[in-house]
Amino acid sequence: MDIVLLLTILIKIITITFVIVLPLVPISVYFERRFSAIIQDRVGPNRVGIPLTLFGAKKDYAFFGLVQPMADGIKLFLKEDFTPAHVRKAFYWMAPALTVVPALVTLCVIPFGSDIRLPGMDPIKLVIADINVGPLFIFAIASLSVYGITLAGWSSNSKFPFIGGVRSTAQMISYEISLGLSIIPVLLYFGDLNLTKIVQFQADHGWLLLPLWGHGEGYLSLGSKLLFWIPAFVSFLIFTISIFAETNRMPFDLPECETELVGGYHTEYSSMKFALFFMGEYAAMVVGSALIVTLFLGGWSLGFGTDAWISQLSIGGFEIGGLIHLGVFLAKVIAFILFFVLVRWTVPRFRYDQLMKLGWVVFFEAALINVFLAALVIASRSALCTPFILGIGSLLLIATTAAIIYVAKVSEPENQLIVT
């Protein structure tokens, strides 16, 4: 294989994973602490800074508390790495790695920007692996993180971690079904599984949730785009809420809720093992935000017909449009991370039965009906679809929806009043 190609892949892996994404994890922690302080009318981290007095200065520079994540990392690194005697050590040590690694591996198929071009070189794609099954790869790899949490709960040989591991297994499997079904209308609309092509399509013809430019005829007309906006928005809601459940974030943090399970599956962990669980949760949140932005909000696209002009910007033969698009993509991801934080500190935690009911009784059926609705909308844009066929399809969709709602309603257990 060409040595230049290998070096390019290696540089992209190091740059995207270890220079761009991993620093987002401590930055997300800082955002969470600072944002939650604003919501609760507190100050938040504001003292940890650069100790200039050690070098003879008159006072330290607080630097708005931005060094707080570094202090947290040093604290976790220097804490005693204690392994209880009653645990199953091999699986106990393996579990943290199985939690954080899948979150980082899924990054390799997400496009972070448009192509950049160096003088005398071919265009370089800002994606590590530009494969044609991007969403399927992400779901396949991300689903492996459930093994890490399950092994952590089982190998701890303790009741609370075990309950947390069982909860996480049921929760993640339940909401993976909703994730998979909710994304089908999106893939039907784009007709492609390549995330790079999906983002490029949105840059040319409007974001999935903001189809305001790049109109044409047929399925690219404004009316057709606005008609599909309904199933697209339903998919967005189901997908986003399911991402909260997949990342064990509030209000779906039942596997680790302190009020019931002390710390859940990572109760018996300390030092860097706990830090890996902590980092895995925030890395999964970054990846989930990146996937939502890529599928529904245009990815690296700035929108409104400006992307083609941005892609042509260059300085001395070096095309910088890809770097500008990289900044746009990161800004969208950070905005969604702040949304994750906002939800955590404003929405109360679900009961576990409510969590399972939402996944199996509400989201599963809603996502399934939404697939039929999206297929009907897409079929209506075809010349082969006559008004008669469209009417029959609409009646079948209404009948199916009514039947699903009826079955869900009658299967609901009645509340019984217990008199003592």
Protein backbone atom coordinates (compact mmCIF):
# COMPACT_ATOMS: atom_id res chain seq x y z
CA MET A 1 0.00 0.00 0.00
CA ASP A 2 1.15 3.54 -0.70
CA ILE A 3 3.17 4.92 2.22
CA VAL A 4 1.60 8.35 1.68
CA LEU A 5 -1.88 6.85 2.10
CA LEU A 6 -0.86 5.10 5.32
CA LEU A 7 0.64 8.31 6.72
CA THR A 8 -2.49 10.24 5.77
CA ILE A 9 -4.73 7.72 7.56
CA LEU A 10 -2.48 7.75 10.63
CA ILE A 11 -2.46 11.55 10.75
CA LYS A 12 -6.25 11.66 10.45
CA ILE A 13 -6.64 9.09 13.25
CA ILE A 14 -4.33 11.03 15.56
CA THR A 15 -5.77 14.43 14.67
CA ILE A 16 -9.48 13.62 14.71
CA THR A 17 -9.47 11.22 17.66
CA PHE A 18 -6.75 12.50 19.98
CA VAL A 19 -6.57 16.20 19.07
CA ILE A 20 -10.21 17.06 18.31
CA VAL A 21 -12.56 14.56 20.01
CA LEU A 22 -10.76 13.51 23.20
CA PRO A 23 -10.22 17.14 24.30
CA LEU A 24 -13.98 17.58 23.88
CA VAL A 25 -14.48 15.18 26.80
CA PRO A 26 -12.89 17.40 29.50
CA ILE A 27 -14.35 20.46 27.77
CA SER A 28 -17.79 18.83 28.03
CA VAL A 29 -17.21 18.24 31.74
CA TYR A 30 -16.31 21.92 32.18
CA PHE A 31 -19.38 22.97 30.18
CA GLU A 32 -21.56 20.72 32.32
CA ARG A 33 -20.27 22.12 35.59
CA ARG A 34 -20.42 25.70 34.39
CA PHE A 35 -23.81 25.41 32.70
CA SER A 36 -25.38 23.62 35.66
CA ALA A 37 -24.06 26.37 37.92
CA ILE A 38 -25.77 28.98 35.74
CA ILE A 39 -29.04 27.03 35.81
CA GLN A 40 -28.90 26.68 39.62
CA ASP A 41 -27.70 30.26 40.19
CA ARG A 42 -24.27 29.17 41.42
CA VAL A 43 -20.75 30.20 40.49
CA GLY A 44 -19.29 26.93 39.30
CA PRO A 45 -15.57 26.19 38.80
CA ASN A 46 -13.73 29.50 38.83
CA ARG A 47 -10.59 29.13 40.95
CA VAL A 48 -8.43 26.41 39.44
CA GLY A 49 -6.01 28.21 37.16
CA ILE A 50 -2.35 28.84 36.54
CA PRO A 51 -0.36 29.13 39.82
CA LEU A 52 1.80 32.08 38.80
CA THR A 53 2.78 32.73 42.44
CA LEU A 54 5.03 29.67 42.22
CA PHE A 55 7.10 31.59 39.68
CA GLY A 56 7.32 34.83 41.64
CA ALA A 57 4.15 36.58 40.50
CA LYS A 58 1.95 38.50 42.94
CA LYS A 59 -1.20 36.44 42.35
CA ASP A 60 -2.45 33.39 40.54
CA TYR A 61 -4.46 33.65 37.34
CA ALA A 62 -7.78 31.83 37.66
CA PHE A 63 -8.37 31.63 33.88
CA PHE A 64 -12.15 31.31 34.45
CA GLY A 65 -11.66 27.85 35.97
CA LEU A 66 -10.73 26.36 32.59
CA VAL A 67 -7.96 24.32 34.18
CA GLN A 68 -10.53 22.51 36.37
CA PRO A 69 -10.81 19.49 33.99
CA MET A 70 -7.03 19.12 34.12
CA ALA A 71 -7.16 19.15 37.92
CA ASP A 72 -9.91 16.53 37.87
CA GLY A 73 -7.81 14.32 35.59
CA ILE A 74 -4.74 14.63 37.81
CA LYS A 75 -6.85 13.83 40.87
CA LEU A 76 -8.27 10.68 39.28
CA PHE A 77 -4.84 9.63 38.04
CA LEU A 78 -3.22 10.01 41.46
CA LYS A 79 -5.98 8.33 43.48
CA GLU A 80 -5.35 4.84 44.81
CA ASP A 81 -6.22 2.22 42.20
CA PHE A 82 -7.96 -0.13 44.61
CA THR A 83 -9.26 -3.50 43.42
CA PRO A 84 -11.54 -5.26 45.92
CA ALA A 85 -10.60 -8.83 46.75
CA HIS A 86 -14.05 -10.25 45.96
CA VAL A 87 -14.24 -9.16 42.31
CA ARG A 88 -13.59 -11.28 39.20
CA LYS A 89 -10.40 -9.48 38.33
CA ALA A 90 -10.00 -10.25 34.61
CA PHE A 91 -13.49 -9.04 33.68
CA TYR A 92 -13.29 -6.27 36.29
CA TRP A 93 -10.25 -4.79 34.54
CA MET A 94 -11.63 -5.42 31.05
CA ALA A 95 -14.98 -3.64 31.56
CA PRO A 96 -13.77 0.02 31.54
CA ALA A 97 -11.93 -0.49 28.24
CA LEU A 98 -14.99 -2.11 26.66
CA THR A 99 -16.97 0.99 27.60
CA VAL A 100 -14.71 3.71 26.20
CA VAL A 101 -13.21 2.00 23.13
CA PRO A 102 -16.47 1.49 21.14
CA ALA A 103 -17.34 5.16 21.60
CA LEU A 104 -14.00 6.19 20.08
CA VAL A 105 -14.04 3.62 17.27
CA THR A 106 -17.39 4.88 15.95
CA LEU A 107 -15.76 8.24 15.20
CA CYS A 108 -13.92 6.84 12.20
CA VAL A 109 -16.96 7.00 9.86
CA ILE A 110 -18.25 10.48 10.82
CA PRO A 111 -17.26 13.23 8.34
CA PHE A 112 -15.85 16.21 10.22
CA GLY A 113 -15.59 18.56 7.25
CA SER A 114 -15.37 18.87 3.50
CA ASP A 115 -12.20 17.97 1.59
CA ILE A 116 -9.00 19.93 2.09
CA ARG A 117 -6.28 20.15 -0.52
CA LEU A 118 -2.57 20.74 0.01
CA PRO A 119 -0.46 22.08 -2.86
CA GLY A 120 0.54 19.24 -5.18
CA MET A 121 -1.61 16.63 -3.39
CA ASP A 122 -4.96 14.96 -3.97
CA PRO A 123 -7.95 16.13 -1.89
CA ILE A 124 -7.90 14.81 1.68
CA LYS A 125 -11.24 13.79 3.19
CA LEU A 126 -11.80 14.79 6.80
CA VAL A 127 -13.11 11.33 7.66
CA ILE A 128 -10.99 8.39 8.76
CA ALA A 129 -12.98 5.67 6.94
CA ASP A 130 -15.34 6.75 4.18
CA ILE A 131 -17.35 3.52 4.03
CA ASN A 132 -20.78 2.94 2.48
CA VAL A 133 -22.40 1.50 5.61
CA GLY A 134 -21.66 4.32 8.07
CA PRO A 135 -24.81 4.21 10.26
CA LEU A 136 -24.78 0.40 10.39
CA PHE A 137 -21.12 0.45 11.44
CA ILE A 138 -21.88 2.96 14.21
CA PHE A 139 -24.79 0.91 15.56
CA ALA A 140 -22.79 -2.33 15.39
CA ILE A 141 -19.78 -0.93 17.26
CA ALA A 142 -21.68 1.28 19.73
CA SER A 143 -23.82 -1.67 20.81
CA LEU A 144 -20.67 -3.37 22.13
CA SER A 145 -20.46 -0.85 24.98
CA VAL A 146 -23.27 -2.71 26.73
CA TYR A 147 -20.81 -5.54 27.34
CA GLY A 148 -18.53 -3.22 29.29
CA ILE A 149 -21.30 -2.05 31.60
CA THR A 150 -22.72 -5.55 31.99
CA LEU A 151 -19.32 -7.03 32.81
CA ALA A 152 -18.64 -4.21 35.26
CA GLY A 153 -21.83 -4.99 37.17
CA TRP A 154 -21.39 -8.76 37.09
CA SER A 155 -17.66 -8.88 37.86
CA SER A 156 -18.00 -6.56 40.88
CA ASN A 157 -19.76 -9.36 42.83
CA SER A 158 -21.89 -6.75 44.55
CA LYS A 159 -25.64 -6.29 44.55
CA PHE A 160 -25.91 -2.64 43.53
CA PRO A 161 -23.47 -2.87 40.59
CA PHE A 162 -25.17 -6.07 39.42
CA ILE A 163 -28.59 -4.39 39.42
CA GLY A 164 -27.08 -1.44 37.52
CA GLY A 165 -25.58 -3.78 34.93
CA VAL A 166 -28.88 -5.62 34.41
CA ARG A 167 -30.73 -2.32 34.10
CA SER A 168 -28.24 -1.04 31.55
CA THR A 169 -28.49 -4.21 29.47
CA ALA A 170 -32.29 -4.01 29.27
CA GLN A 171 -32.23 -0.25 28.68
CA MET A 172 -29.64 -0.19 25.90
CA ILE A 173 -31.10 -3.17 24.05
CA SER A 174 -34.59 -1.65 24.26
CA TYR A 175 -33.60 1.73 22.90
CA GLU A 176 -31.30 0.34 20.21
CA ILE A 177 -34.47 -0.97 18.53
CA SER A 178 -35.95 2.53 18.56
CA LEU A 179 -32.68 3.96 17.24
CA GLY A 180 -32.58 1.53 14.34
CA LEU A 181 -36.22 2.05 13.38
CA SER A 182 -36.07 5.85 13.69
CA ILE A 183 -33.18 6.12 11.25
CA ILE A 184 -34.88 4.11 8.48
CA PRO A 185 -36.96 7.08 7.17
CA VAL A 186 -33.77 9.16 6.97
CA LEU A 187 -31.97 6.51 4.96
CA LEU A 188 -35.02 6.07 2.71
CA TYR A 189 -35.00 9.79 1.99
CA PHE A 190 -31.29 10.00 1.14
CA GLY A 191 -31.14 6.60 -0.53
CA ASP A 192 -27.58 6.11 0.70
CA LEU A 193 -25.68 4.78 3.72
CA ASN A 194 -22.54 6.83 3.13
CA LEU A 195 -22.44 9.61 5.71
CA THR A 196 -20.16 11.78 3.54
CA LYS A 197 -22.68 11.68 0.68
CA ILE A 198 -25.55 12.31 3.10
CA VAL A 199 -23.90 15.50 4.39
CA GLN A 200 -23.00 16.62 0.86
CA PHE A 201 -26.63 16.11 -0.20
CA GLN A 202 -27.79 18.31 2.68
CA ALA A 203 -25.21 20.96 1.79
CA ASP A 204 -26.55 21.06 -1.78
CA HIS A 205 -30.29 20.65 -1.17
CA GLY A 206 -31.00 21.75 2.40
CA TRP A 207 -30.66 20.11 5.79
CA LEU A 208 -33.14 17.40 6.62
CA LEU A 209 -34.77 19.58 9.30
CA LEU A 210 -34.11 22.86 7.46
CA PRO A 211 -34.83 22.26 3.73
CA LEU A 212 -34.79 25.91 2.67
CA TRP A 213 -32.40 25.93 -0.31
CA GLY A 214 -31.31 23.87 -3.30
CA HIS A 215 -34.85 23.26 -4.58
CA GLY A 216 -35.55 21.47 -7.84
CA GLU A 217 -38.21 19.30 -9.40
CA GLY A 218 -39.87 16.14 -8.11
CA TYR A 219 -38.57 14.97 -4.75
CA LEU A 220 -36.31 18.05 -4.54
CA SER A 221 -39.20 20.51 -4.74
CA LEU A 222 -39.96 22.65 -1.70
CA GLY A 223 -43.40 21.07 -1.24
CA SER A 224 -41.98 17.55 -1.30
CA LYS A 225 -39.27 18.49 1.21
CA LEU A 226 -41.76 20.10 3.58
CA LEU A 227 -44.06 17.08 3.32
CA PHE A 228 -41.23 14.76 4.35
CA TRP A 229 -40.34 17.13 7.22
CA ILE A 230 -43.09 15.53 9.33
CA PRO A 231 -41.62 11.98 9.43
CA ALA A 232 -38.14 13.50 9.57
CA PHE A 233 -39.01 15.46 12.71
CA VAL A 234 -40.59 12.40 14.32
CA SER A 235 -37.40 10.47 13.56
CA PHE A 236 -35.35 13.29 15.06
CA LEU A 237 -37.34 13.25 18.31
CA ILE A 238 -37.18 9.47 18.72
CA PHE A 239 -33.52 9.29 17.73
CA THR A 240 -32.46 12.12 20.05
CA ILE A 241 -34.33 10.82 23.08
CA SER A 242 -33.03 7.30 22.42
CA ILE A 243 -29.48 8.67 22.34
CA PHE A 244 -30.06 9.96 25.88
CA ALA A 245 -31.02 6.43 26.94
CA GLU A 246 -28.10 4.86 25.06
CA THR A 247 -25.58 7.15 26.77
CA ASN A 248 -27.16 6.64 30.24
CA ARG A 249 -27.71 10.36 30.60
CA MET A 250 -30.41 12.01 32.68
CA PRO A 251 -33.32 11.48 32.72
CA PHE A 252 -32.36 7.90 31.76
CA ASP A 253 -29.42 7.32 34.12
CA LEU A 254 -31.15 4.44 35.93
CA PRO A 255 -28.09 2.11 35.67
CA GLU A 256 -26.00 4.48 37.80
CA CYS A 257 -28.48 6.59 39.77
CA GLU A 258 -26.94 7.50 43.10
CA THR A 259 -30.25 7.74 44.94
CA GLU A 260 -30.99 4.02 44.39
CA LEU A 261 -27.79 2.16 43.50
CA VAL A 262 -25.01 4.22 45.17
CA GLY A 263 -23.18 4.54 41.85
CA GLY A 264 -24.58 1.64 39.90
CA TYR A 265 -22.32 -0.53 37.80
CA HIS A 266 -19.17 1.46 38.67
CA THR A 267 -19.68 1.51 42.46
CA GLU A 268 -16.63 -0.72 43.06
CA TYR A 269 -14.34 1.25 40.70
CA SER A 270 -11.87 3.99 41.59
CA SER A 271 -9.02 5.98 40.10
CA MET A 272 -8.45 5.62 36.34
CA LYS A 273 -10.88 2.72 35.98
CA PHE A 274 -13.68 4.99 37.10
CA ALA A 275 -12.25 7.73 34.89
CA LEU A 276 -12.57 5.44 31.87
CA PHE A 277 -16.27 4.91 32.61
CA PHE A 278 -16.64 8.65 33.06
CA MET A 279 -14.79 9.35 29.82
CA GLY A 280 -16.77 6.67 27.97
CA GLU A 281 -20.07 8.33 28.91
CA TYR A 282 -18.95 11.74 27.69
CA ALA A 283 -17.31 10.29 24.57
CA ALA A 284 -20.58 8.54 23.76
CA MET A 285 -22.37 11.85 24.26
CA VAL A 286 -19.97 13.55 21.80
CA VAL A 287 -20.44 10.75 19.24
CA GLY A 288 -24.23 10.82 19.69
CA SER A 289 -24.27 14.60 19.19
CA ALA A 290 -22.06 14.24 16.10
CA LEU A 291 -24.37 11.60 14.62
CA ILE A 292 -27.50 13.69 15.24
CA VAL A 293 -25.85 16.72 13.63
CA THR A 294 -24.69 14.61 10.66
CA LEU A 295 -28.06 13.02 9.90
CA PHE A 296 -30.51 15.82 10.69
CA LEU A 297 -28.69 19.16 10.84
CA GLY A 298 -26.38 19.10 7.83
CA GLY A 299 -23.16 17.91 9.48
CA TRP A 300 -20.35 20.30 8.54
CA SER A 301 -22.62 22.29 6.21
CA LEU A 302 -23.09 25.99 7.02
CA GLY A 303 -26.11 26.00 4.75
CA PHE A 304 -28.01 28.51 2.63
CA GLY A 305 -25.87 27.89 -0.45
CA THR A 306 -22.60 29.02 1.14
CA ASP A 307 -20.81 25.65 1.26
CA ALA A 308 -19.66 25.59 -2.36
CA TRP A 309 -18.14 29.06 -1.92
CA ILE A 310 -16.49 28.09 1.37
CA SER A 311 -14.99 24.96 -0.20
CA GLN A 312 -13.18 27.11 -2.79
CA LEU A 313 -11.47 29.36 -0.25
CA SER A 314 -7.71 28.98 -0.33
CA ILE A 315 -4.53 30.58 0.99
CA GLY A 316 -1.47 30.14 -1.21
CA GLY A 317 -2.83 27.02 -2.88
CA PHE A 318 -3.97 25.52 0.44
CA GLU A 319 -7.76 25.10 0.37
CA ILE A 320 -9.02 25.99 3.85
CA GLY A 321 -12.72 25.39 3.25
CA GLY A 322 -12.54 22.02 4.96
CA LEU A 323 -11.11 23.61 8.12
CA ILE A 324 -13.91 26.18 8.17
CA HIS A 325 -16.45 23.39 7.79
CA LEU A 326 -14.67 21.55 10.61
CA GLY A 327 -15.24 24.57 12.84
CA VAL A 328 -18.93 24.67 11.83
CA PHE A 329 -19.31 20.98 12.65
CA LEU A 330 -17.67 21.35 16.07
CA ALA A 331 -19.85 24.39 16.85
CA LYS A 332 -22.99 22.33 16.12
CA VAL A 333 -21.72 19.42 18.23
CA ILE A 334 -20.89 21.72 21.17
CA ALA A 335 -24.36 23.29 20.91
CA PHE A 336 -25.91 19.83 21.13
CA ILE A 337 -23.67 18.91 24.07
CA LEU A 338 -25.02 21.99 25.86
CA PHE A 339 -28.51 20.71 25.06
CA PHE A 340 -27.58 17.39 26.71
CA VAL A 341 -26.44 19.31 29.77
CA LEU A 342 -29.60 21.44 29.82
CA VAL A 343 -31.82 18.35 29.75
CA ARG A 344 -29.87 16.70 32.54
CA TRP A 345 -30.37 19.60 34.92
CA THR A 346 -34.01 20.36 34.08
CA VAL A 347 -35.81 17.02 33.56
CA PRO A 348 -36.38 14.68 36.55
CA ARG A 349 -35.38 11.04 36.40
CA PHE A 350 -37.84 8.43 35.12
CA ARG A 351 -38.93 5.42 37.11
CA TYR A 352 -37.62 2.20 35.61
CA ASP A 353 -41.07 0.98 34.58
CA GLN A 354 -41.67 4.33 32.85
CA LEU A 355 -38.35 3.95 31.06
CA MET A 356 -39.25 0.51 29.71
CA LYS A 357 -42.78 1.60 28.79
CA LEU A 358 -41.46 4.58 26.84
CA GLY A 359 -39.06 2.38 24.89
CA TRP A 360 -41.31 -0.59 24.13
CA VAL A 361 -44.85 0.80 24.16
CA VAL A 362 -44.32 4.33 22.82
CA PHE A 363 -41.10 4.64 20.82
CA PHE A 364 -41.14 1.20 19.20
CA GLU A 365 -44.67 1.63 17.85
CA ALA A 366 -44.17 5.30 16.95
CA ALA A 367 -40.96 4.56 15.04
CA LEU A 368 -42.64 1.67 13.21
CA ILE A 369 -45.60 3.83 12.17
CA ASN A 370 -43.17 6.57 11.14
CA VAL A 371 -41.41 4.14 8.77
CA PHE A 372 -44.74 3.46 7.03
CA LEU A 373 -45.51 7.20 6.93
CA ALA A 374 -42.11 8.01 5.41
CA ALA A 375 -42.49 5.25 2.83
CA LEU A 376 -45.93 6.62 1.88
CA VAL A 377 -44.55 10.16 1.53
CA ILE A 378 -41.65 8.96 -0.61
CA ALA A 379 -43.94 6.81 -2.75
CA SER A 380 -46.25 9.79 -3.35
CA ARG A 381 -43.41 11.54 -5.19
CA SER A 382 -43.19 8.73 -7.75
CA ALA A 383 -44.98 8.95 -11.08
CA LEU A 384 -46.06 5.31 -10.66
CA CYS A 385 -48.06 6.14 -7.54
CA THR A 386 -51.63 6.97 -8.59
CA PRO A 387 -54.11 8.78 -6.30
CA PHE A 388 -55.97 5.47 -5.85
CA ILE A 389 -52.82 3.69 -4.62
CA LEU A 390 -51.99 6.66 -2.40
CA GLY A 391 -55.48 6.59 -0.90
CA ILE A 392 -55.30 2.85 -0.19
CA GLY A 393 -51.90 3.32 1.44
CA SER A 394 -53.22 6.18 3.60
CA LEU A 395 -56.19 4.06 4.76
CA LEU A 396 -53.89 1.14 5.61
CA LEU A 397 -51.60 3.47 7.55
CA ILE A 398 -54.52 4.90 9.52
CA ALA A 399 -55.91 1.41 10.21
CA THR A 400 -52.48 0.12 11.32
CA THR A 401 -51.95 3.11 13.59
CA ALA A 402 -55.38 2.71 15.18
CA ALA A 403 -54.81 -1.03 15.71
CA ILE A 404 -51.42 -0.45 17.35
CA ILE A 405 -52.83 2.24 19.64
CA TYR A 406 -55.79 0.02 20.55
CA VAL A 407 -53.58 -2.99 21.37
CA ALA A 408 -51.28 -0.81 23.48
CA LYS A 409 -54.28 0.64 25.29
CA VAL A 410 -56.06 -2.61 26.11
CA SER A 411 -52.85 -4.31 27.19
CA GLU A 412 -52.25 -1.58 29.76
CA PRO A 413 -52.92 -2.99 33.24
CA GLU A 414 -55.68 -1.22 35.16
CA ASN A 415 -54.79 0.62 38.31
CA GLN A 416 -56.15 -1.32 41.26
CA LEU A 417 -57.07 0.35 44.51
CA ILE A 418 -55.73 -1.68 47.41
CA VAL A 419 -57.74 -1.25 50.59
CA THR A 420 -56.12 -2.30 53.84
